[in-house]
N, C-alpha and C. Protein backbone atom coordinates (compact mmCIF):
# COMPACT_ATOMS: atom_id res chain seq x y z
N MET A 1 0.68 -1.20 0.09
CA MET A 1 0.13 -0.10 0.05
C MET A 1 0.94 1.47 0.02
N LEU A 2 2.00 1.11 0.48
CA LEU A 2 2.92 2.50 0.83
C LEU A 2 3.19 2.80 -0.54
N ALA A 3 3.72 1.76 -1.26
CA ALA A 3 4.19 2.18 -2.67
C ALA A 3 3.04 2.77 -3.59
N GLU A 4 1.83 2.34 -3.39
CA GLU A 4 0.89 2.92 -4.36
C GLU A 4 0.73 4.42 -3.96
N LEU A 5 0.67 4.64 -2.53
CA LEU A 5 0.49 5.91 -2.04
C LEU A 5 1.79 6.84 -2.53
N GLU A 6 2.99 6.32 -2.51
CA GLU A 6 4.11 7.15 -3.02
C GLU A 6 4.06 7.48 -4.33
N ASP A 7 3.37 6.51 -5.22
CA ASP A 7 3.28 6.73 -6.75
C ASP A 7 1.96 7.76 -6.90
N LEU A 8 0.99 7.90 -6.03
CA LEU A 8 -0.06 8.87 -6.14
C LEU A 8 0.55 10.27 -5.51
N ILE A 9 1.33 10.14 -4.66
CA ILE A 9 1.97 11.40 -4.25
C ILE A 9 2.82 11.80 -5.28
N ALA A 10 3.61 11.08 -5.81
CA ALA A 10 4.60 11.52 -7.18
C ALA A 10 3.67 12.11 -8.33
N GLU A 11 2.54 11.51 -8.58
CA GLU A 11 1.61 12.02 -9.70
C GLU A 11 1.33 13.52 -9.50
N LEU A 12 1.01 13.75 -8.17
CA LEU A 12 0.23 14.96 -7.44
C LEU A 12 1.15 15.78 -7.23
N ASP A 13 2.64 15.92 -7.75
CA ASP A 13 3.85 16.60 -7.22
C ASP A 13 3.54 18.13 -7.18
N GLN A 14 3.08 18.52 -8.43
CA GLN A 14 2.46 20.17 -8.50
C GLN A 14 1.24 20.25 -8.39
N PRO A 15 0.42 19.95 -7.45
CA PRO A 15 -0.92 20.10 -7.45
C PRO A 15 -1.53 21.42 -7.47
N SER A 16 -2.83 21.80 -8.02
CA SER A 16 -3.42 22.87 -7.61
C SER A 16 -5.15 22.78 -7.27
N GLY A 17 -5.69 23.50 -6.64
CA GLY A 17 -7.11 23.23 -6.34
C GLY A 17 -7.29 22.02 -5.40
N ALA A 18 -8.29 21.29 -6.14
CA ALA A 18 -8.84 20.09 -5.63
C ALA A 18 -7.70 19.09 -5.32
N ASP A 19 -6.71 18.96 -6.40
CA ASP A 19 -5.72 18.02 -6.21
C ASP A 19 -4.67 18.29 -5.02
N ARG A 20 -4.44 19.51 -4.75
CA ARG A 20 -3.70 19.87 -3.32
C ARG A 20 -4.29 19.24 -2.18
N LEU A 21 -5.79 19.11 -2.17
CA LEU A 21 -6.50 18.53 -0.68
C LEU A 21 -6.10 16.99 -1.24
N LEU A 22 -6.11 16.69 -2.10
CA LEU A 22 -5.94 15.20 -2.58
C LEU A 22 -4.55 14.56 -2.12
N LEU A 23 -3.73 15.64 -2.44
CA LEU A 23 -2.16 15.22 -2.20
C LEU A 23 -2.02 15.30 -0.64
N LEU A 24 -2.78 16.41 0.02
CA LEU A 24 -2.55 16.42 1.45
C LEU A 24 -3.20 14.85 2.13
N ARG A 25 -4.36 14.46 1.54
CA ARG A 25 -4.99 13.38 2.23
C ARG A 25 -3.97 12.21 1.95
N ALA A 26 -3.45 12.08 0.61
CA ALA A 26 -2.75 10.83 0.43
C ALA A 26 -1.53 10.88 1.24
N ARG A 27 -0.90 12.01 1.68
CA ARG A 27 0.24 12.17 2.49
C ARG A 27 -0.27 11.80 3.98
N MET A 28 -1.26 12.09 4.21
CA MET A 28 -1.90 11.73 5.48
C MET A 28 -2.02 10.10 5.76
N PHE A 29 -2.40 9.48 4.70
CA PHE A 29 -2.82 8.05 4.72
C PHE A 29 -1.38 7.50 4.64
N ARG A 30 -0.18 7.89 4.12
CA ARG A 30 0.95 7.54 3.99
C ARG A 30 1.66 7.52 5.55
N ALA A 31 1.14 8.62 6.33
CA ALA A 31 1.72 8.92 7.67
C ALA A 31 1.29 7.71 8.41
N TRP A 32 -0.09 7.17 8.46
CA TRP A 32 -0.66 6.11 8.99
C TRP A 32 -0.15 4.88 8.76
N VAL A 33 -0.05 4.60 7.45
CA VAL A 33 0.67 3.41 6.92
C VAL A 33 2.21 3.45 7.59
N LEU A 34 2.91 4.32 7.66
CA LEU A 34 4.20 4.39 8.23
C LEU A 34 4.11 4.14 9.52
N ILE A 35 3.12 4.63 10.35
CA ILE A 35 2.77 4.24 11.69
C ILE A 35 2.53 2.68 11.80
N ASP A 36 1.76 2.02 10.91
CA ASP A 36 1.44 0.69 10.99
C ASP A 36 2.63 -0.18 10.72
N GLU A 37 3.52 0.49 9.94
CA GLU A 37 5.03 -0.29 9.65
C GLU A 37 6.22 -0.08 10.80
N GLY A 38 5.62 0.60 11.74
CA GLY A 38 6.45 0.85 12.79
C GLY A 38 7.60 1.78 12.32
N ARG A 39 7.26 2.66 11.83
CA ARG A 39 8.02 3.74 11.33
C ARG A 39 7.72 5.19 11.71
N PRO A 40 7.58 5.47 13.15
CA PRO A 40 6.78 6.68 13.76
C PRO A 40 7.40 8.05 13.33
N ALA A 41 8.85 7.97 13.56
CA ALA A 41 9.37 9.15 13.44
C ALA A 41 9.23 9.59 11.98
N GLU A 42 9.35 8.55 10.75
CA GLU A 42 8.86 9.11 9.59
C GLU A 42 7.41 9.81 9.31
N ALA A 43 6.48 8.95 10.08
CA ALA A 43 5.26 9.61 10.09
C ALA A 43 5.01 10.90 10.62
N GLU A 44 5.71 11.13 11.87
CA GLU A 44 5.76 12.36 12.44
C GLU A 44 6.21 13.28 11.38
N ALA A 45 7.17 13.27 10.64
CA ALA A 45 7.58 14.12 9.73
C ALA A 45 6.43 14.33 8.56
N GLU A 46 6.05 13.47 8.34
CA GLU A 46 4.92 13.70 7.18
C GLU A 46 3.62 14.38 7.64
N ALA A 47 3.50 14.17 9.03
CA ALA A 47 2.09 14.81 9.53
C ALA A 47 2.52 16.39 9.96
N GLU A 48 3.64 16.52 10.30
CA GLU A 48 3.99 17.61 10.51
C GLU A 48 4.29 18.42 9.45
N ALA A 49 4.82 18.10 8.19
CA ALA A 49 4.87 18.77 7.08
C ALA A 49 3.18 19.30 6.52
N VAL A 50 2.28 18.22 6.45
CA VAL A 50 0.83 18.34 6.11
C VAL A 50 0.01 19.28 7.09
N LEU A 51 0.58 19.61 8.37
CA LEU A 51 0.07 20.56 9.23
C LEU A 51 0.66 21.83 8.81
N ARG A 52 2.18 21.85 8.41
CA ARG A 52 2.68 23.08 8.18
C ARG A 52 1.85 23.73 6.88
N VAL A 53 1.70 23.04 5.83
CA VAL A 53 0.94 23.34 4.77
C VAL A 53 -0.59 24.05 5.04
N LEU A 54 -1.10 23.10 5.90
CA LEU A 54 -2.50 23.75 6.25
C LEU A 54 -2.78 24.88 7.06
N THR A 55 -1.51 25.30 7.80
CA THR A 55 -1.58 26.37 8.63
C THR A 55 -1.41 27.59 7.52
N ARG A 56 -0.79 27.27 6.48
CA ARG A 56 -0.48 28.40 5.54
C ARG A 56 -1.70 28.38 4.65
N THR A 57 -2.58 27.68 4.64
CA THR A 57 -3.81 27.57 3.34
C THR A 57 -5.12 28.00 4.23
N MET A 58 -4.97 27.65 5.56
CA MET A 58 -6.27 27.73 6.56
C MET A 58 -7.15 29.05 6.03
N TYR A 59 -6.42 29.81 5.76
CA TYR A 59 -7.44 31.18 5.90
C TYR A 59 -7.92 31.53 4.41
N VAL A 60 -7.05 30.92 3.43
CA VAL A 60 -7.64 30.81 2.00
C VAL A 60 -8.75 29.73 1.72
N THR A 61 -8.48 28.62 2.12
CA THR A 61 -9.59 27.79 1.98
C THR A 61 -10.09 27.09 3.07
N ASN A 62 -11.19 26.31 2.93
CA ASN A 62 -11.97 25.60 4.26
C ASN A 62 -11.28 24.11 4.37
N VAL A 63 -10.16 23.99 5.19
CA VAL A 63 -9.47 22.83 5.45
C VAL A 63 -9.53 22.53 6.88
N TRP A 64 -10.61 22.83 7.53
CA TRP A 64 -10.71 22.45 8.92
C TRP A 64 -10.92 20.79 9.01
N GLU A 65 -11.50 20.17 8.21
CA GLU A 65 -11.65 18.74 8.37
C GLU A 65 -10.40 18.07 8.26
N LEU A 66 -9.92 18.56 7.15
CA LEU A 66 -8.26 17.73 6.82
C LEU A 66 -7.30 18.35 8.05
N GLU A 67 -7.46 19.25 8.65
CA GLU A 67 -6.33 19.62 9.52
C GLU A 67 -6.70 18.98 10.65
N LEU A 68 -8.17 18.43 11.13
CA LEU A 68 -8.21 17.73 12.34
C LEU A 68 -7.98 16.14 12.05
N ILE A 69 -8.03 15.78 10.97
CA ILE A 69 -7.51 14.43 10.15
C ILE A 69 -6.16 14.42 10.59
N ALA A 70 -5.41 15.59 10.06
CA ALA A 70 -3.83 15.35 10.28
C ALA A 70 -3.62 15.56 11.85
N LEU A 71 -4.40 16.21 12.70
CA LEU A 71 -3.95 16.39 14.11
C LEU A 71 -4.42 14.79 14.68
N VAL A 72 -5.20 14.13 14.40
CA VAL A 72 -5.54 12.69 14.91
C VAL A 72 -4.26 11.64 14.36
N CYS A 73 -3.85 12.14 13.36
CA CYS A 73 -2.48 11.08 12.77
C CYS A 73 -1.51 11.67 13.46
N MET A 74 -1.20 12.86 13.92
CA MET A 74 -0.10 13.26 14.84
C MET A 74 -0.28 12.51 15.82
N GLY A 75 -1.32 12.94 16.60
CA GLY A 75 -1.70 12.04 18.12
C GLY A 75 -1.23 10.54 17.76
N ASP A 76 -1.77 9.84 16.80
CA ASP A 76 -1.27 8.44 16.65
C ASP A 76 0.04 8.31 16.66
N VAL A 77 0.82 9.24 15.77
CA VAL A 77 2.34 9.33 15.98
C VAL A 77 2.93 9.31 17.36
N LEU A 78 2.47 10.16 17.98
CA LEU A 78 3.13 10.76 19.26
C LEU A 78 2.90 9.45 20.43
N CYS A 79 1.70 8.89 20.31
CA CYS A 79 1.69 7.56 20.96
C CYS A 79 2.25 6.73 20.70
N ALA A 80 2.62 6.33 19.38
CA ALA A 80 3.44 5.27 18.96
C ALA A 80 5.08 5.75 19.28
N LEU A 81 5.24 6.89 19.42
CA LEU A 81 6.61 7.24 20.11
C LEU A 81 6.69 7.41 21.65
N GLY A 82 5.59 6.90 22.20
CA GLY A 82 5.68 7.16 23.74
C GLY A 82 5.48 8.45 24.02
N ARG A 83 4.96 9.50 23.33
CA ARG A 83 4.78 11.03 24.01
C ARG A 83 3.18 11.19 24.20
N HIS A 84 2.70 10.33 25.03
CA HIS A 84 1.27 10.08 25.42
C HIS A 84 0.90 11.49 25.88
N GLU A 85 1.58 12.34 26.38
CA GLU A 85 1.09 13.60 27.07
C GLU A 85 0.80 14.57 26.00
N GLU A 86 1.66 14.61 25.01
CA GLU A 86 1.35 15.45 24.06
C GLU A 86 -0.04 14.92 23.15
N ALA A 87 0.05 13.50 23.00
CA ALA A 87 -1.29 13.03 22.06
C ALA A 87 -2.49 13.67 22.98
N GLU A 88 -2.44 13.64 24.31
CA GLU A 88 -3.59 13.90 25.14
C GLU A 88 -4.04 15.52 24.90
N THR A 89 -3.00 16.24 24.88
CA THR A 89 -3.23 17.69 24.76
C THR A 89 -3.93 17.73 23.45
N ILE A 90 -3.48 17.04 22.18
CA ILE A 90 -4.05 17.36 21.02
C ILE A 90 -5.47 16.74 21.02
N ALA A 91 -6.01 15.84 21.70
CA ALA A 91 -7.39 15.36 21.67
C ALA A 91 -8.13 16.05 22.49
N ARG A 92 -7.75 16.92 23.62
CA ARG A 92 -8.49 17.51 24.49
C ARG A 92 -8.72 19.02 23.92
N GLY A 93 -7.44 19.38 23.17
CA GLY A 93 -7.73 20.56 22.65
C GLY A 93 -8.67 20.83 21.43
N HIS A 94 -8.87 19.82 20.88
CA HIS A 94 -9.42 19.76 19.31
C HIS A 94 -10.80 19.05 19.45
N LEU A 95 -11.33 18.30 20.53
CA LEU A 95 -12.54 17.74 20.68
C LEU A 95 -13.59 18.79 20.66
N PRO A 96 -13.49 19.74 21.23
CA PRO A 96 -14.66 20.60 20.99
C PRO A 96 -15.28 20.91 19.69
N ARG A 97 -14.27 21.10 18.46
CA ARG A 97 -14.81 21.26 17.31
C ARG A 97 -14.90 20.13 16.47
N ALA A 98 -14.88 19.25 16.89
CA ALA A 98 -15.15 17.95 16.12
C ALA A 98 -16.57 17.21 16.27
N GLU A 99 -16.89 16.62 15.26
CA GLU A 99 -17.97 15.82 15.27
C GLU A 99 -17.73 14.75 14.26
N GLY A 100 -18.92 13.70 14.52
CA GLY A 100 -18.72 12.52 13.48
C GLY A 100 -17.54 11.51 13.76
N TYR A 101 -16.95 11.21 12.58
CA TYR A 101 -15.86 10.37 12.55
C TYR A 101 -14.92 11.03 13.21
N LEU A 102 -14.69 12.34 13.12
CA LEU A 102 -13.57 13.09 13.56
C LEU A 102 -13.59 13.27 15.31
N GLU A 103 -14.55 13.29 15.61
CA GLU A 103 -14.87 13.48 17.21
C GLU A 103 -14.66 11.98 17.69
N PHE A 104 -14.79 10.83 16.88
CA PHE A 104 -14.74 9.57 17.37
C PHE A 104 -13.04 9.42 17.35
N GLY A 105 -12.32 9.63 16.23
CA GLY A 105 -10.92 9.76 16.31
C GLY A 105 -10.18 10.24 17.33
N LEU A 106 -10.78 11.35 17.65
CA LEU A 106 -10.07 12.22 18.85
C LEU A 106 -10.50 11.66 20.26
N ARG A 107 -11.67 11.22 20.23
CA ARG A 107 -12.09 10.50 21.70
C ARG A 107 -11.24 9.26 21.87
N LEU A 108 -10.86 8.31 20.75
CA LEU A 108 -10.08 7.02 20.59
C LEU A 108 -8.67 7.49 21.02
N LEU A 109 -7.99 8.53 20.49
CA LEU A 109 -6.51 9.04 20.76
C LEU A 109 -6.88 9.59 22.21
N LEU A 110 -7.85 10.17 22.74
CA LEU A 110 -7.90 10.40 24.05
C LEU A 110 -7.62 9.17 25.28
N LEU A 111 -8.33 8.15 24.51
CA LEU A 111 -8.46 6.66 25.47
C LEU A 111 -6.85 6.42 25.37
N HIS A 112 -6.23 6.38 24.17
CA HIS A 112 -5.14 5.95 23.80
C HIS A 112 -3.95 6.48 24.91
N SER A 113 -4.17 7.77 24.72
CA SER A 113 -3.27 8.65 25.29
C SER A 113 -3.43 8.38 26.92
N LEU A 114 -4.49 8.23 27.57
CA LEU A 114 -4.65 8.35 28.95
C LEU A 114 -3.95 6.83 29.38
N SER A 115 -4.40 5.73 28.70
CA SER A 115 -4.00 4.36 28.87
C SER A 115 -2.28 4.24 28.91
N GLY A 116 -1.61 5.23 27.69
CA GLY A 116 -0.34 5.10 27.65
C GLY A 116 0.23 5.88 28.96
N GLN A 117 -0.29 6.62 29.63
CA GLN A 117 0.22 7.29 30.81
C GLN A 117 0.07 6.59 31.91
N GLY A 118 -0.85 5.50 31.93
CA GLY A 118 -0.86 4.67 33.10
C GLY A 118 -2.09 5.14 33.83
N ARG A 119 -2.99 6.30 33.14
CA ARG A 119 -4.20 6.80 33.77
C ARG A 119 -5.53 5.60 33.32
N HIS A 120 -5.38 4.69 33.71
CA HIS A 120 -6.37 3.80 33.28
C HIS A 120 -8.05 4.11 33.74
N GLU A 121 -7.96 4.65 35.09
CA GLU A 121 -9.18 5.08 35.38
C GLU A 121 -9.66 5.96 34.67
N GLU A 122 -8.96 6.84 34.13
CA GLU A 122 -9.83 8.19 33.49
C GLU A 122 -10.00 7.51 32.12
N ALA A 123 -9.23 6.31 31.54
CA ALA A 123 -9.50 6.05 30.23
C ALA A 123 -10.67 5.40 30.23
N LEU A 124 -11.01 4.45 31.51
CA LEU A 124 -12.11 3.63 31.64
C LEU A 124 -13.22 4.64 31.58
N ALA A 125 -13.29 5.87 32.48
CA ALA A 125 -14.50 6.63 32.66
C ALA A 125 -14.61 7.35 31.23
N GLU A 126 -13.51 7.69 30.22
CA GLU A 126 -13.95 8.26 28.97
C GLU A 126 -14.34 7.08 28.06
N SER A 127 -14.08 6.13 28.01
CA SER A 127 -14.62 4.99 27.20
C SER A 127 -16.18 4.96 27.39
N GLY A 128 -16.34 5.24 28.70
CA GLY A 128 -18.07 4.92 28.84
C GLY A 128 -18.73 6.11 28.45
N ARG A 129 -18.19 7.24 28.26
CA ARG A 129 -18.91 8.46 27.58
C ARG A 129 -19.67 7.85 26.14
N HIS A 130 -20.53 8.56 25.73
CA HIS A 130 -21.04 8.51 24.31
C HIS A 130 -20.15 9.01 23.23
N HIS A 131 -19.99 8.05 22.36
CA HIS A 131 -18.79 8.01 21.22
C HIS A 131 -19.60 7.98 19.96
N PRO A 132 -19.46 8.91 19.34
CA PRO A 132 -20.35 8.86 17.87
C PRO A 132 -19.98 7.49 16.85
N GLU A 133 -20.80 7.31 16.13
CA GLU A 133 -20.64 5.96 14.84
C GLU A 133 -19.25 6.31 14.45
N SER A 134 -18.73 4.96 14.32
CA SER A 134 -17.54 5.00 13.69
C SER A 134 -17.73 4.25 12.19
N SER A 135 -16.73 4.17 11.53
CA SER A 135 -16.70 3.52 10.12
C SER A 135 -16.19 2.11 10.63
N PRO A 136 -16.48 1.07 9.45
CA PRO A 136 -16.03 -0.24 9.48
C PRO A 136 -14.30 -0.13 9.82
N ALA A 137 -13.80 0.70 9.36
CA ALA A 137 -12.26 0.86 9.40
C ALA A 137 -11.79 0.76 10.67
N ASP A 138 -12.66 1.39 11.62
CA ASP A 138 -12.45 1.67 13.00
C ASP A 138 -13.07 0.48 13.85
N SER A 139 -13.40 -0.67 13.19
CA SER A 139 -13.82 -1.63 13.88
C SER A 139 -13.09 -2.19 15.16
N GLY A 140 -13.60 -2.42 16.27
CA GLY A 140 -12.85 -3.09 17.09
C GLY A 140 -11.65 -2.06 18.00
N ALA A 141 -11.76 -0.69 17.41
CA ALA A 141 -11.04 0.20 18.22
C ALA A 141 -11.24 0.47 19.57
N HIS A 142 -12.51 0.86 19.63
CA HIS A 142 -13.06 1.28 21.00
C HIS A 142 -12.82 0.27 21.91
N GLU A 143 -13.27 -1.06 21.50
CA GLU A 143 -13.45 -2.03 22.38
C GLU A 143 -11.90 -2.65 22.83
N LEU A 144 -10.94 -2.46 21.81
CA LEU A 144 -9.51 -2.77 22.34
C LEU A 144 -9.05 -1.38 23.05
N ALA A 145 -9.50 -0.34 22.99
CA ALA A 145 -8.92 0.83 23.98
C ALA A 145 -9.48 0.34 25.12
N THR A 146 -10.68 0.00 25.38
CA THR A 146 -11.40 -0.32 26.57
C THR A 146 -10.85 -1.55 27.36
N ALA A 147 -10.64 -2.47 26.61
CA ALA A 147 -9.75 -3.49 27.02
C ALA A 147 -8.69 -3.17 27.69
N THR A 148 -7.56 -2.66 27.12
CA THR A 148 -6.49 -2.13 27.65
C THR A 148 -6.73 -1.53 28.84
N ALA A 149 -7.60 -0.50 28.91
CA ALA A 149 -7.78 0.24 30.21
C ALA A 149 -8.02 -0.71 31.40
N LEU A 150 -9.06 -1.53 31.14
CA LEU A 150 -9.53 -2.61 32.08
C LEU A 150 -8.21 -3.54 32.53
N HIS A 151 -7.52 -3.65 31.52
CA HIS A 151 -6.52 -4.98 31.78
C HIS A 151 -5.53 -4.03 32.77
N GLY A 152 -5.30 -2.66 32.28
CA GLY A 152 -4.35 -2.03 33.39
C GLY A 152 -4.72 -1.73 34.71
N LEU A 153 -6.04 -1.81 35.02
CA LEU A 153 -6.75 -1.71 36.20
C LEU A 153 -6.85 -2.97 37.03
N GLY A 154 -6.21 -4.23 36.46
CA GLY A 154 -6.26 -5.72 36.84
C GLY A 154 -7.67 -6.38 36.60
N ARG A 155 -8.53 -5.70 36.09
CA ARG A 155 -10.03 -6.30 35.84
C ARG A 155 -9.81 -6.92 34.82
N HIS A 156 -9.01 -8.47 34.67
CA HIS A 156 -9.12 -9.17 33.61
C HIS A 156 -10.10 -9.81 32.94
N ASP A 157 -11.07 -10.15 33.82
CA ASP A 157 -12.32 -10.99 33.16
C ASP A 157 -13.04 -9.94 32.32
N GLU A 158 -13.03 -8.70 32.75
CA GLU A 158 -13.80 -7.66 31.92
C GLU A 158 -13.04 -7.38 30.88
N ALA A 159 -11.64 -7.31 30.92
CA ALA A 159 -10.87 -7.09 29.89
C ALA A 159 -10.96 -7.82 28.67
N LYS A 160 -10.82 -9.15 29.15
CA LYS A 160 -11.02 -10.45 28.36
C LYS A 160 -12.11 -10.25 27.54
N ALA A 161 -13.25 -10.02 28.32
CA ALA A 161 -14.68 -10.06 27.38
C ALA A 161 -14.52 -8.79 26.40
N GLN A 162 -14.02 -7.66 26.60
CA GLN A 162 -14.08 -6.59 25.91
C GLN A 162 -12.96 -6.73 24.65
N ALA A 163 -11.93 -7.60 25.02
CA ALA A 163 -11.03 -7.93 23.88
C ALA A 163 -11.42 -8.87 23.01
N GLN A 164 -12.26 -9.93 23.46
CA GLN A 164 -13.06 -10.77 22.59
C GLN A 164 -14.20 -10.20 21.66
N ARG A 165 -14.82 -9.18 22.29
CA ARG A 165 -15.87 -8.09 21.26
C ARG A 165 -15.27 -7.45 20.44
N ALA A 166 -13.75 -6.69 20.72
CA ALA A 166 -12.86 -6.10 19.85
C ALA A 166 -12.26 -7.26 18.46
N MET A 167 -12.27 -8.41 18.99
CA MET A 167 -11.77 -9.27 18.12
C MET A 167 -13.06 -9.79 17.17
N THR A 168 -14.26 -9.70 17.47
CA THR A 168 -15.39 -10.00 16.81
C THR A 168 -15.48 -9.05 15.86
N ALA A 169 -15.42 -7.97 16.24
CA ALA A 169 -15.86 -6.56 15.37
C ALA A 169 -14.67 -6.55 14.23
N CYS A 170 -13.23 -7.01 14.64
CA CYS A 170 -12.23 -6.82 13.61
C CYS A 170 -12.41 -8.05 12.69
N GLU A 171 -12.74 -9.42 13.10
CA GLU A 171 -12.99 -10.07 12.30
C GLU A 171 -13.99 -10.03 11.13
N ARG A 172 -15.04 -9.34 11.71
CA ARG A 172 -16.21 -8.89 10.67
C ARG A 172 -15.73 -7.92 9.79
N TYR A 173 -15.03 -7.01 9.93
CA TYR A 173 -14.60 -5.94 8.81
C TYR A 173 -13.22 -5.66 8.46
N LEU A 174 -12.36 -6.28 9.23
CA LEU A 174 -10.99 -6.27 9.04
C LEU A 174 -10.13 -7.19 8.43
N HIS A 175 -9.24 -6.88 7.65
CA HIS A 175 -8.07 -8.16 7.25
C HIS A 175 -7.48 -8.93 8.08
N PRO A 176 -7.43 -10.14 8.16
CA PRO A 176 -6.64 -10.91 9.32
C PRO A 176 -5.50 -10.48 9.61
N HIS A 177 -4.53 -9.87 8.73
CA HIS A 177 -3.42 -9.24 8.78
C HIS A 177 -3.40 -7.72 9.26
N HIS A 178 -4.49 -7.09 9.61
CA HIS A 178 -4.52 -5.71 9.93
C HIS A 178 -4.02 -5.54 11.13
N GLN A 179 -3.21 -4.30 11.47
CA GLN A 179 -2.84 -4.22 12.78
C GLN A 179 -3.37 -4.50 13.91
N ARG A 180 -4.68 -3.67 13.95
CA ARG A 180 -5.45 -3.73 15.22
C ARG A 180 -5.86 -5.24 15.38
N VAL A 181 -6.02 -6.36 14.42
CA VAL A 181 -6.13 -7.82 14.94
C VAL A 181 -5.04 -8.19 15.76
N GLY A 182 -3.73 -7.89 15.26
CA GLY A 182 -2.51 -8.38 15.93
C GLY A 182 -2.45 -7.64 17.28
N GLU A 183 -2.97 -6.48 17.41
CA GLU A 183 -2.72 -5.83 19.05
C GLU A 183 -4.10 -6.55 19.73
N VAL A 184 -5.30 -6.84 19.26
CA VAL A 184 -6.13 -7.62 20.02
C VAL A 184 -5.61 -8.94 20.36
N ARG A 185 -5.01 -9.77 19.51
CA ARG A 185 -4.38 -11.00 19.85
C ARG A 185 -3.14 -11.00 20.86
N ALA A 186 -2.31 -9.82 20.77
CA ALA A 186 -1.15 -9.57 21.89
C ALA A 186 -1.79 -9.26 23.16
N LEU A 187 -2.74 -8.49 23.09
CA LEU A 187 -3.52 -8.22 24.52
C LEU A 187 -4.24 -9.38 24.92
N LEU A 188 -4.76 -10.14 24.39
CA LEU A 188 -5.44 -11.62 24.71
C LEU A 188 -4.34 -12.35 25.21
N ALA A 189 -2.93 -12.39 24.48
CA ALA A 189 -1.86 -13.36 24.71
C ALA A 189 -1.35 -12.82 26.33
N ARG A 190 -1.23 -11.53 26.36
CA ARG A 190 -0.68 -11.18 27.65
C ARG A 190 -1.50 -11.29 29.02
N MET A 191 -2.99 -11.37 28.61
CA MET A 191 -4.06 -11.54 29.52
C MET A 191 -3.73 -13.19 30.02
N ALA A 192 -3.63 -14.34 28.85
CA ALA A 192 -3.59 -15.46 29.01
C ALA A 192 -2.48 -15.69 29.97
N SER A 193 -1.35 -15.11 29.73
CA SER A 193 -0.24 -15.42 30.56
C SER A 193 -0.04 -14.86 32.17
N ALA A 194 -0.95 -13.70 31.98
CA ALA A 194 -1.09 -13.26 33.76
C ALA A 194 -1.65 -13.86 34.64
């Protein structure tokens, strides 16, 4: 997938108008793929570059949606780099203006950042709040984040049940080699050995 994104980015090298937004979206997807491939430093550079472009064009065009997408990606990068406090700042700072799938993404980022800081009680409380509908691509993500918080609190039976719900959702919509499927399996394995 990374090769296809890089080909698309190369084709759109001198974009104008709608092509510029397509290029920025392709670069954001590239950043997420880089996270999935365990290359968060490169993903951080890509997300920062997109945010710089958006900052320069925000007042000329309506790019708020793409800016929030880029911020969610940057938060994911920060979590992958172990910089959970910075990710929490992004999530809390931008939740008030998000809705729909972007609100879901920022709330999920908040869950990850809180658990990453060992603040599992707060993560669990946040997971119980109303979350907007997510897309099939997000299948199992909320359940996995909740299972992680429960596991961190030592509530293993509840964590296992939540992880099983995550796996069921993942198996329904995601490829068996999707990163989230691997994360759920890893969590279940940690719980089995505990």
